[in-house]
Amino acid sequence: MFVRQSALVIIFLLGLIFNPSDIYAQIDFNKKPDDDLGNVEDKFQELFFEALKQKGIENYQRAIDALLKCEELNKEEAVIYLELGKNYSQLEQFNLAEEALLKGLKITPQNEWLLDQLYEVYTQQNNIPKAIETVKKLVEVHPDYKQDLATLYIRQKQFDDALKLLDELDKNLGSSPVRNNMRNEIYKQTAGDDSQITDLQHRIKSNPKNESNYLALIYSYQQNGNQEKAFETAQNLLKEIPESELVHVALYEFYLQNNQAEGAFKSAEKALISAEVNNNDKTKILQNLVNFAGNNPQYEKKLIALTSLISSDQSSESLSEVASYYLQSGDKQKALESYQKALQQNPTDFTLIKNSLLLQLDLQLYDNAAKESAQAISLFPAQPLLYLLNGVAQNNLKNPDKAIENLEMGLDFLIDDKKMEADFYQQLSISYQLKDNITKSKTFAEKAAAIIKAQ
């Protein structure tokens, strides 16, 4: 709606500038004054362009003032009410915007610009019933608005009306990914409903090559607790469309539930390498397989083979799941590599940063840990853990002064975490020991010990 409206505005303004006589059919701006009252048309034009100028610099109230003066000069110009509607909308005075636009529509009932602006006013107020009434009128002017109408039907939960309109659009224009997604949204909201299942079965019978209908029916059966029918539908989809990749998001899970591990891993592989499967589904697949391999260690090799499919274009969530698996299996180096890849995807994820730094310290990669914790502090200057991890790295690099500086700063941000406070004191004790300041080292060691004993 908004893209179309922007285009309309540009066309309107170009027409206004280069051919104003077409915009104002009832006004001749070249007409010379024929009385002593002055040139009313010139005054109207001057005020109207002043209103456009004020709107352009976002001075909406002044634009409204100028337009109201235009209205006093000529109440029969619909364009006045269009501009009033826009300016009132910018000030969120929606009642006044609606009133102005309805005045304009009394003059030109089929005016697409006025109707489109009124449609926007209603959607901004979340007044969906009135928005539907308005878009129905727009459909009479321009059929492009049918998809907008279907969207409104979905928001109003008029699902049968929406599906009927989507079918009509597909028949006239061919299938569209956007409309398929709209259908899927309807099916999700009505999943498990008997009438919805019947409708989907009918659609599949009418068009057995439409993948989205199968997927929606699988989801409906799952929501209805009918796993057997869901599995049967997934197999039917694979028979009709052998190249389907999305079906494997459902199939791998059915195979796991039926202890058919070979089938599960084959389907999981196809889903993981598919560009059509979204990252959330891939993350869920890996999470389920990690849990499965944890309980069935004989399949660890297959899981490791699958993780090799995770490339740099995978989501940080998927890579994090892979890292979790490697941690469970004791391969800390590969876990760290996965966390590092995940950080390339999402460099400001605090959990990924923390896990990566902890592994670096565990693997005695102190140089990397010192550098990366310092970078992380610049991103999260109020996170005490980062100062502690930097202090640990600096102590192990025999840089006690840098360690003390960061540890003391970190303590300033620490609130109600006794265990971490004890860790800070233990590291400060190590720092001062490295400086041969045994008195301070002992003092901090005693502070740490007291906290630990009190817990």
Protein backbone atom coordinates (compact mmCIF):
# COMPACT_ATOMS: atom_id res chain seq x y z
CA MET A 1 0.00 0.00 0.00
CA PHE A 2 2.66 2.50 0.97
CA VAL A 3 4.81 1.87 -2.12
CA ARG A 4 1.82 2.37 -4.33
CA GLN A 5 0.84 5.49 -2.44
CA SER A 6 4.33 6.99 -2.79
CA ALA A 7 4.13 6.48 -6.54
CA LEU A 8 0.72 8.13 -6.60
CA VAL A 9 2.03 11.12 -4.68
CA ILE A 10 4.91 11.57 -7.15
CA ILE A 11 2.54 11.38 -10.10
CA PHE A 12 0.19 13.81 -8.40
CA LEU A 13 2.92 16.38 -7.70
CA LEU A 14 4.36 16.13 -11.21
CA GLY A 15 0.89 16.66 -12.61
CA LEU A 16 0.35 19.59 -10.28
CA ILE A 17 3.58 21.28 -11.32
CA PHE A 18 3.43 20.67 -15.05
CA ASN A 19 -0.27 20.58 -15.80
CA PRO A 20 -2.33 22.09 -13.00
CA SER A 21 -5.34 22.52 -15.26
CA ASP A 22 -5.75 18.72 -15.37
CA ILE A 23 -5.68 18.49 -11.57
CA TYR A 24 -8.15 21.29 -11.02
CA ALA A 25 -10.63 20.83 -13.83
CA GLN A 26 -12.93 23.49 -12.41
CA ILE A 27 -10.24 26.16 -12.01
CA ASP A 28 -8.49 28.10 -14.76
CA PHE A 29 -5.39 29.61 -13.16
CA ASN A 30 -4.78 31.66 -16.33
CA LYS A 31 -8.14 33.36 -16.05
CA LYS A 32 -7.85 37.10 -15.55
CA PRO A 33 -9.78 38.80 -12.75
CA ASP A 34 -13.17 39.96 -13.83
CA ASP A 35 -14.12 41.96 -10.76
CA ASP A 36 -12.64 44.21 -8.08
CA LEU A 37 -12.20 41.44 -5.54
CA GLY A 38 -8.83 40.37 -6.92
CA ASN A 39 -7.76 37.08 -8.52
CA VAL A 40 -9.29 34.34 -6.35
CA GLU A 41 -7.65 31.62 -8.39
CA ASP A 42 -4.19 33.14 -7.90
CA LYS A 43 -4.80 33.34 -4.16
CA PHE A 44 -5.93 29.69 -4.10
CA GLN A 45 -2.83 28.61 -6.02
CA GLU A 46 -0.55 30.62 -3.75
CA LEU A 47 -2.07 29.11 -0.60
CA PHE A 48 -2.05 25.57 -1.98
CA PHE A 49 1.62 25.70 -2.93
CA GLU A 50 2.37 27.20 0.46
CA ALA A 51 0.64 24.18 2.03
CA LEU A 52 2.79 21.80 -0.06
CA LYS A 53 5.91 23.68 0.95
CA GLN A 54 5.05 23.57 4.65
CA LYS A 55 4.27 19.84 4.43
CA GLY A 56 7.60 19.31 2.70
CA ILE A 57 9.45 20.80 5.68
CA GLU A 58 7.21 18.83 8.10
CA ASN A 59 5.39 21.91 9.37
CA TYR A 60 2.05 20.13 9.19
CA GLN A 61 -0.05 22.59 11.20
CA ARG A 62 0.92 25.50 8.96
CA ALA A 63 0.11 23.35 5.95
CA ILE A 64 -3.34 22.67 7.44
CA ASP A 65 -3.89 26.39 8.09
CA ALA A 66 -3.14 27.17 4.45
CA LEU A 67 -5.40 24.37 3.21
CA LEU A 68 -8.30 25.55 5.38
CA LYS A 69 -7.96 28.97 3.74
CA CYS A 70 -8.04 27.20 0.35
CA GLU A 71 -11.28 25.53 1.45
CA GLU A 72 -12.78 28.94 2.24
CA LEU A 73 -12.01 30.00 -1.34
CA ASN A 74 -13.32 26.84 -3.02
CA LYS A 75 -15.03 23.95 -1.24
CA GLU A 76 -15.39 21.89 -4.42
CA GLU A 77 -11.71 20.94 -4.84
CA ALA A 78 -11.22 17.34 -3.66
CA VAL A 79 -7.44 17.73 -3.63
CA ILE A 80 -7.74 20.08 -0.63
CA TYR A 81 -9.25 17.28 1.42
CA LEU A 82 -6.63 14.78 0.25
CA GLU A 83 -3.85 17.07 1.51
CA LEU A 84 -5.75 17.83 4.72
CA GLY A 85 -6.07 14.09 5.32
CA LYS A 86 -2.32 13.59 4.87
CA ASN A 87 -1.36 16.43 7.18
CA TYR A 88 -3.84 15.49 9.90
CA SER A 89 -2.49 11.92 9.71
CA GLN A 90 1.05 13.17 10.26
CA LEU A 91 -0.17 14.87 13.44
CA GLU A 92 -2.03 11.66 14.40
CA GLN A 93 -5.31 13.56 14.34
CA PHE A 94 -7.01 10.63 12.66
CA ASN A 95 -10.61 11.69 13.28
CA LEU A 96 -9.99 14.98 11.49
CA ALA A 97 -8.13 13.15 8.72
CA GLU A 98 -11.07 10.80 8.22
CA GLU A 99 -13.54 13.71 8.21
CA ALA A 100 -11.52 15.59 5.58
CA LEU A 101 -11.10 12.57 3.31
CA LEU A 102 -14.80 11.71 3.47
CA LYS A 103 -15.58 15.30 2.41
CA GLY A 104 -13.32 14.80 -0.60
CA LEU A 105 -15.02 11.50 -1.46
CA LYS A 106 -18.41 13.22 -1.54
CA ILE A 107 -17.03 15.31 -4.39
CA THR A 108 -15.23 12.44 -6.20
CA PRO A 109 -16.52 9.10 -4.82
CA GLN A 110 -14.17 6.90 -6.90
CA ASN A 111 -10.99 8.93 -6.29
CA GLU A 112 -8.22 6.36 -5.79
CA TRP A 113 -5.88 8.75 -3.95
CA LEU A 114 -8.54 9.74 -1.43
CA LEU A 115 -9.59 6.13 -0.87
CA ASP A 116 -5.99 4.98 -0.50
CA GLN A 117 -5.27 7.68 2.08
CA LEU A 118 -8.47 6.79 3.96
CA TYR A 119 -7.36 3.13 3.91
CA GLU A 120 -4.08 4.16 5.52
CA VAL A 121 -5.89 6.21 8.19
CA TYR A 122 -8.00 3.19 9.16
CA THR A 123 -5.04 0.80 9.27
CA GLN A 124 -3.08 3.27 11.43
CA GLN A 125 -6.00 3.18 13.87
CA ASN A 126 -6.24 -0.61 13.51
CA ASN A 127 -9.86 -0.14 12.41
CA ILE A 128 -9.87 -3.22 10.18
CA PRO A 129 -13.63 -3.35 9.42
CA LYS A 130 -13.58 0.20 8.00
CA ALA A 131 -10.30 -0.52 6.20
CA ILE A 132 -11.99 -3.52 4.53
CA GLU A 133 -14.96 -1.39 3.43
CA THR A 134 -12.55 1.15 1.93
CA VAL A 135 -10.37 -1.39 0.12
CA LYS A 136 -13.46 -2.99 -1.39
CA LYS A 137 -14.12 0.38 -3.06
CA LEU A 138 -10.47 0.56 -4.12
CA VAL A 139 -10.76 -2.88 -5.73
CA GLU A 140 -13.51 -1.47 -7.95
CA VAL A 141 -11.08 1.23 -9.09
CA HIS A 142 -7.97 -0.93 -9.32
CA PRO A 143 -7.78 -4.75 -8.93
CA ASP A 144 -4.22 -4.52 -7.54
CA TYR A 145 -5.82 -3.88 -4.16
CA LYS A 146 -7.24 -7.40 -3.97
CA GLN A 147 -4.13 -8.69 -2.22
CA ASP A 148 -4.43 -5.87 0.34
CA LEU A 149 -8.02 -6.96 0.88
CA ALA A 150 -6.93 -10.57 1.45
CA THR A 151 -4.40 -9.37 4.05
CA LEU A 152 -7.12 -7.46 5.87
CA TYR A 153 -9.40 -10.50 5.80
CA ILE A 154 -6.66 -12.51 7.50
CA ARG A 155 -6.22 -9.84 10.17
CA GLN A 156 -9.98 -9.90 10.73
CA LYS A 157 -9.91 -13.74 10.81
CA GLN A 158 -12.26 -13.91 7.82
CA PHE A 159 -10.24 -16.86 6.53
CA ASP A 160 -12.77 -18.22 4.02
CA ASP A 161 -13.04 -14.81 2.34
CA ALA A 162 -9.24 -14.52 2.26
CA LEU A 163 -8.74 -17.99 0.73
CA LYS A 164 -11.41 -17.32 -1.89
CA LEU A 165 -9.68 -14.09 -2.89
CA LEU A 166 -6.22 -15.71 -2.95
CA ASP A 167 -7.54 -18.48 -5.20
CA GLU A 168 -9.02 -15.88 -7.54
CA LEU A 169 -5.70 -14.02 -7.70
CA ASP A 170 -3.77 -17.24 -8.39
CA LYS A 171 -6.20 -18.13 -11.16
CA ASN A 172 -5.78 -14.74 -12.84
CA LEU A 173 -2.11 -14.03 -12.11
CA GLY A 174 -0.52 -17.40 -11.39
CA SER A 175 0.98 -18.66 -8.13
CA SER A 176 2.95 -16.25 -5.94
CA PRO A 177 5.32 -16.93 -2.98
CA VAL A 178 3.72 -14.01 -1.11
CA ARG A 179 0.22 -15.45 -1.49
CA ASN A 180 1.49 -18.91 -0.57
CA ASN A 181 2.87 -17.44 2.65
CA MET A 182 -0.48 -15.78 3.30
CA ARG A 183 -2.20 -19.14 2.88
CA ASN A 184 0.29 -20.77 5.22
CA GLU A 185 -0.46 -18.11 7.83
CA ILE A 186 -4.17 -18.94 7.55
CA TYR A 187 -3.43 -22.65 7.88
CA LYS A 188 -1.28 -22.08 10.95
CA GLN A 189 -4.06 -20.12 12.61
CA THR A 190 -6.65 -22.76 11.77
CA ALA A 191 -4.42 -25.84 12.14
CA GLY A 192 -6.26 -28.89 13.43
CA ASP A 193 -9.64 -27.54 12.39
CA ASP A 194 -11.59 -30.29 10.59
CA SER A 195 -12.95 -27.96 7.92
CA GLN A 196 -9.42 -26.71 7.24
CA ILE A 197 -8.12 -30.27 6.85
CA THR A 198 -10.97 -31.06 4.46
CA ASP A 199 -10.22 -27.92 2.46
CA LEU A 200 -6.53 -28.82 2.18
CA GLN A 201 -7.33 -32.39 1.13
CA HIS A 202 -9.55 -31.00 -1.61
CA ARG A 203 -6.80 -28.60 -2.74
CA ILE A 204 -4.26 -31.42 -2.93
CA LYS A 205 -6.65 -33.55 -4.95
CA SER A 206 -7.26 -30.64 -7.35
CA ASN A 207 -3.58 -29.75 -7.63
CA PRO A 208 -1.27 -32.58 -6.46
CA LYS A 209 1.85 -30.61 -7.44
CA ASN A 210 1.27 -27.73 -5.01
CA GLU A 211 3.86 -28.26 -2.25
CA SER A 212 2.51 -25.62 0.14
CA ASN A 213 -0.84 -27.43 0.52
CA TYR A 214 0.89 -30.65 1.60
CA LEU A 215 3.04 -28.78 4.12
CA ALA A 216 0.01 -27.02 5.54
CA LEU A 217 -1.86 -30.33 5.86
CA ILE A 218 1.13 -31.93 7.62
CA TYR A 219 1.16 -29.06 10.09
CA SER A 220 -2.61 -29.35 10.63
CA TYR A 221 -2.38 -33.06 11.36
CA GLN A 222 0.49 -32.45 13.78
CA GLN A 223 -1.52 -29.80 15.60
CA ASN A 224 -4.39 -32.27 15.75
CA GLY A 225 -2.11 -34.93 17.28
CA ASN A 226 -2.47 -37.22 14.27
CA GLN A 227 1.19 -38.07 13.64
CA GLU A 228 0.34 -41.09 11.47
CA LYS A 229 -1.63 -38.97 8.99
CA ALA A 230 1.03 -36.27 9.06
CA PHE A 231 3.73 -38.83 8.19
CA GLU A 232 1.55 -40.32 5.45
CA THR A 233 1.01 -36.85 3.95
CA ALA A 234 4.77 -36.15 4.02
CA GLN A 235 5.42 -39.42 2.15
CA ASN A 236 2.72 -38.57 -0.41
CA LEU A 237 4.35 -35.19 -0.96
CA LEU A 238 7.69 -36.87 -1.60
CA LYS A 239 6.08 -39.22 -4.14
CA GLU A 240 4.44 -36.35 -6.03
CA ILE A 241 7.36 -33.92 -5.73
CA PRO A 242 10.56 -35.98 -5.22
CA GLU A 243 12.71 -32.85 -5.36
CA SER A 244 10.94 -31.25 -2.40
CA GLU A 245 13.38 -30.05 0.25
CA LEU A 246 10.95 -28.56 2.77
CA VAL A 247 9.27 -31.92 3.37
CA HIS A 248 12.42 -33.18 5.08
CA VAL A 249 11.90 -30.71 7.93
CA ALA A 250 8.94 -32.89 8.91
CA LEU A 251 10.24 -36.26 7.71
CA TYR A 252 13.44 -36.35 9.79
CA GLU A 253 11.36 -35.86 12.95
CA PHE A 254 8.94 -38.64 12.05
CA TYR A 255 11.87 -40.98 11.46
CA LEU A 256 13.39 -40.08 14.83
CA GLN A 257 10.10 -40.72 16.61
CA ASN A 258 9.91 -44.16 14.96
CA ASN A 259 13.56 -44.99 15.78
CA GLN A 260 14.48 -44.97 12.09
CA ALA A 261 17.78 -43.20 12.59
CA GLU A 262 19.14 -43.82 9.07
CA GLY A 263 16.11 -42.14 7.50
CA ALA A 264 16.27 -39.31 10.03
CA PHE A 265 19.87 -38.45 9.24
CA LYS A 266 19.29 -38.64 5.48
CA SER A 267 16.32 -36.26 5.70
CA ALA A 268 18.17 -33.98 8.13
CA GLU A 269 21.07 -33.70 5.69
CA LYS A 270 18.77 -32.65 2.86
CA ALA A 271 17.12 -30.05 5.08
CA LEU A 272 20.40 -28.66 6.41
CA ILE A 273 21.89 -28.03 2.97
CA SER A 274 18.67 -26.57 1.57
CA ALA A 275 18.48 -22.85 0.85
CA GLU A 276 14.68 -23.09 1.23
CA VAL A 277 14.75 -24.24 4.85
CA ASN A 278 14.92 -21.32 7.27
CA ASN A 279 17.56 -20.99 9.96
CA ASN A 280 15.15 -21.56 12.84
CA ASP A 281 14.19 -24.96 11.44
CA LYS A 282 17.84 -25.87 10.85
CA THR A 283 18.68 -24.95 14.43
CA LYS A 284 15.84 -27.12 15.70
CA ILE A 285 17.02 -30.04 13.55
CA LEU A 286 20.56 -29.84 14.92
CA GLN A 287 19.29 -29.48 18.48
CA ASN A 288 17.16 -32.61 18.16
CA LEU A 289 19.98 -34.60 16.57
CA VAL A 290 22.44 -33.50 19.27
CA ASN A 291 20.02 -34.77 21.92
CA PHE A 292 19.46 -38.00 19.97
CA ALA A 293 23.18 -38.68 19.58
CA GLY A 294 23.68 -37.94 23.27
CA ASN A 295 21.34 -40.82 24.09
CA ASN A 296 22.56 -42.98 21.19
CA PRO A 297 26.36 -42.58 21.00
CA GLN A 298 26.59 -45.03 18.09
CA TYR A 299 25.31 -42.20 15.88
CA GLU A 300 27.94 -39.65 16.92
CA LYS A 301 29.93 -40.19 13.72
CA LYS A 302 26.85 -39.46 11.62
CA LEU A 303 26.22 -36.28 13.59
CA ILE A 304 29.84 -35.19 13.14
CA ALA A 305 29.48 -35.77 9.40
CA LEU A 306 26.37 -33.62 9.40
CA THR A 307 28.09 -30.78 11.24
CA SER A 308 30.57 -30.53 8.37
CA LEU A 309 27.65 -29.25 6.30
CA ILE A 310 27.44 -26.16 8.49
CA SER A 311 29.16 -23.42 6.52
CA SER A 312 29.76 -19.71 7.02
CA ASP A 313 26.31 -18.85 5.68
CA GLN A 314 24.59 -20.77 8.48
CA SER A 315 22.91 -18.95 11.32
CA SER A 316 24.72 -18.27 14.57
CA GLU A 317 22.04 -20.36 16.32
CA SER A 318 22.84 -23.43 14.21
CA LEU A 319 26.56 -23.01 14.74
CA SER A 320 25.98 -22.62 18.45
CA GLU A 321 24.13 -25.95 18.49
CA VAL A 322 27.09 -27.57 16.75
CA ALA A 323 29.41 -26.06 19.37
CA SER A 324 27.21 -27.49 22.13
CA TYR A 325 27.53 -30.93 20.60
CA TYR A 326 31.32 -30.71 20.42
CA LEU A 327 31.41 -29.61 24.06
CA GLN A 328 29.30 -32.62 25.04
CA SER A 329 31.64 -34.92 23.14
CA GLY A 330 34.71 -33.29 24.70
CA ASP A 331 36.15 -31.69 21.54
CA LYS A 332 36.75 -28.20 22.88
CA GLN A 333 38.82 -27.06 19.92
CA LYS A 334 36.03 -27.78 17.44
CA ALA A 335 33.52 -26.23 19.84
CA LEU A 336 35.60 -23.06 19.87
CA GLU A 337 35.81 -23.05 16.07
CA SER A 338 32.02 -23.26 15.87
CA TYR A 339 31.58 -20.42 18.37
CA GLN A 340 34.04 -18.31 16.37
CA LYS A 341 32.07 -18.96 13.17
CA ALA A 342 28.87 -18.05 15.00
CA LEU A 343 30.48 -14.80 16.15
CA GLN A 344 31.26 -13.93 12.54
CA GLN A 345 27.51 -14.10 11.94
CA ASN A 346 26.56 -12.27 15.13
CA PRO A 347 29.56 -10.42 16.62
CA THR A 348 27.57 -8.66 19.37
CA ASP A 349 25.98 -11.78 20.91
CA PHE A 350 27.13 -11.68 24.54
CA THR A 351 26.54 -15.40 25.16
CA LEU A 352 28.67 -16.36 22.15
CA ILE A 353 31.42 -13.97 23.28
CA LYS A 354 31.36 -15.39 26.82
CA ASN A 355 31.44 -19.03 25.66
CA SER A 356 34.24 -18.35 23.21
CA LEU A 357 36.37 -16.57 25.84
CA LEU A 358 35.85 -19.31 28.42
CA LEU A 359 36.97 -21.92 25.92
CA GLN A 360 40.02 -19.88 24.95
CA LEU A 361 41.06 -19.72 28.60
CA ASP A 362 40.38 -23.43 29.01
CA LEU A 363 42.57 -24.14 25.97
CA GLN A 364 45.26 -21.76 27.30
CA LEU A 365 44.91 -19.40 24.34
CA TYR A 366 45.68 -16.44 26.59
CA ASP A 367 46.81 -13.96 23.90
CA ASN A 368 43.55 -14.39 21.99
CA ALA A 369 41.51 -14.26 25.18
CA ALA A 370 43.20 -11.02 26.30
CA LYS A 371 42.64 -9.31 22.92
CA GLU A 372 39.07 -10.50 22.41
CA SER A 373 37.98 -9.75 25.98
CA ALA A 374 39.36 -6.20 25.60
CA GLN A 375 37.31 -5.81 22.39
CA ALA A 376 34.25 -7.21 24.15
CA ILE A 377 34.66 -4.69 27.01
CA SER A 378 34.35 -1.89 24.45
CA LEU A 379 31.01 -3.42 23.39
CA PHE A 380 29.77 -4.23 26.90
CA PRO A 381 31.57 -1.85 29.29
CA ALA A 382 29.26 -2.68 32.22
CA GLN A 383 29.68 -6.48 32.12
CA PRO A 384 31.94 -7.48 35.06
CA LEU A 385 32.55 -10.99 33.68
CA LEU A 386 34.53 -9.58 30.75
CA TYR A 387 36.88 -7.72 33.10
CA LEU A 388 37.35 -10.92 35.12
CA LEU A 389 38.16 -12.97 32.00
CA ASN A 390 40.59 -10.32 30.83
CA GLY A 391 42.23 -10.37 34.27
CA VAL A 392 42.64 -14.15 34.10
CA ALA A 393 44.25 -13.89 30.65
CA GLN A 394 46.59 -11.08 31.73
CA ASN A 395 47.68 -12.97 34.84
CA ASN A 396 48.54 -16.00 32.73
CA LEU A 397 50.50 -13.72 30.36
CA LYS A 398 52.42 -12.38 33.41
CA ASN A 399 50.95 -8.89 32.98
CA PRO A 400 49.84 -8.23 36.60
CA ASP A 401 49.46 -4.46 36.22
CA LYS A 402 47.01 -4.82 33.31
CA ALA A 403 45.22 -7.56 35.22
CA ILE A 404 44.85 -5.40 38.34
CA GLU A 405 43.58 -2.45 36.29
CA ASN A 406 40.81 -4.53 34.66
CA LEU A 407 39.94 -6.48 37.79
CA GLU A 408 39.48 -3.32 39.85
CA MET A 409 37.30 -1.78 37.13
CA GLY A 410 35.22 -4.94 36.93
CA LEU A 411 34.59 -4.91 40.66
CA ASP A 412 32.99 -1.47 40.29
CA PHE A 413 30.29 -3.01 38.05
CA LEU A 414 29.71 -6.10 40.19
CA ILE A 415 26.36 -6.24 42.00
CA ASP A 416 25.13 -9.06 44.26
CA ASP A 417 27.21 -11.90 42.84
CA LYS A 418 29.29 -13.33 45.67
CA LYS A 419 30.75 -16.19 43.66
CA MET A 420 32.10 -13.84 40.99
CA GLU A 421 33.32 -11.46 43.69
CA ALA A 422 35.38 -14.31 45.18
CA ASP A 423 36.78 -15.04 41.71
CA PHE A 424 37.84 -11.39 41.37
CA TYR A 425 39.62 -11.49 44.72
CA GLN A 426 41.38 -14.74 43.82
CA GLN A 427 42.68 -13.21 40.59
CA LEU A 428 43.77 -10.04 42.40
CA SER A 429 45.63 -12.25 44.86
CA ILE A 430 47.44 -13.89 41.93
CA SER A 431 48.21 -10.49 40.39
CA TYR A 432 49.83 -9.13 43.55
CA GLN A 433 51.71 -12.39 44.04
CA LEU A 434 53.17 -11.86 40.55
CA LYS A 435 54.26 -8.39 41.73
CA ASP A 436 55.83 -9.91 44.88
CA ASN A 437 53.41 -7.93 47.05
CA ILE A 438 52.71 -10.80 49.41
CA THR A 439 50.76 -8.68 51.93
CA LYS A 440 48.13 -7.59 49.38
CA SER A 441 48.09 -11.02 47.80
CA LYS A 442 47.27 -12.57 51.17
CA THR A 443 44.61 -9.95 51.92
CA PHE A 444 42.69 -10.70 48.70
CA ALA A 445 43.10 -14.46 49.18
CA GLU A 446 41.52 -14.14 52.63
CA LYS A 447 38.64 -12.07 51.22
CA ALA A 448 37.97 -14.77 48.65
CA ALA A 449 38.14 -17.51 51.23
CA ALA A 450 35.72 -15.69 53.56
CA ILE A 451 33.10 -15.35 50.78
CA ILE A 452 33.46 -19.01 49.79
CA LYS A 453 33.13 -20.15 53.42
CA ALA A 454 30.00 -18.01 53.94
CA GLN A 455 28.19 -19.55 51.00
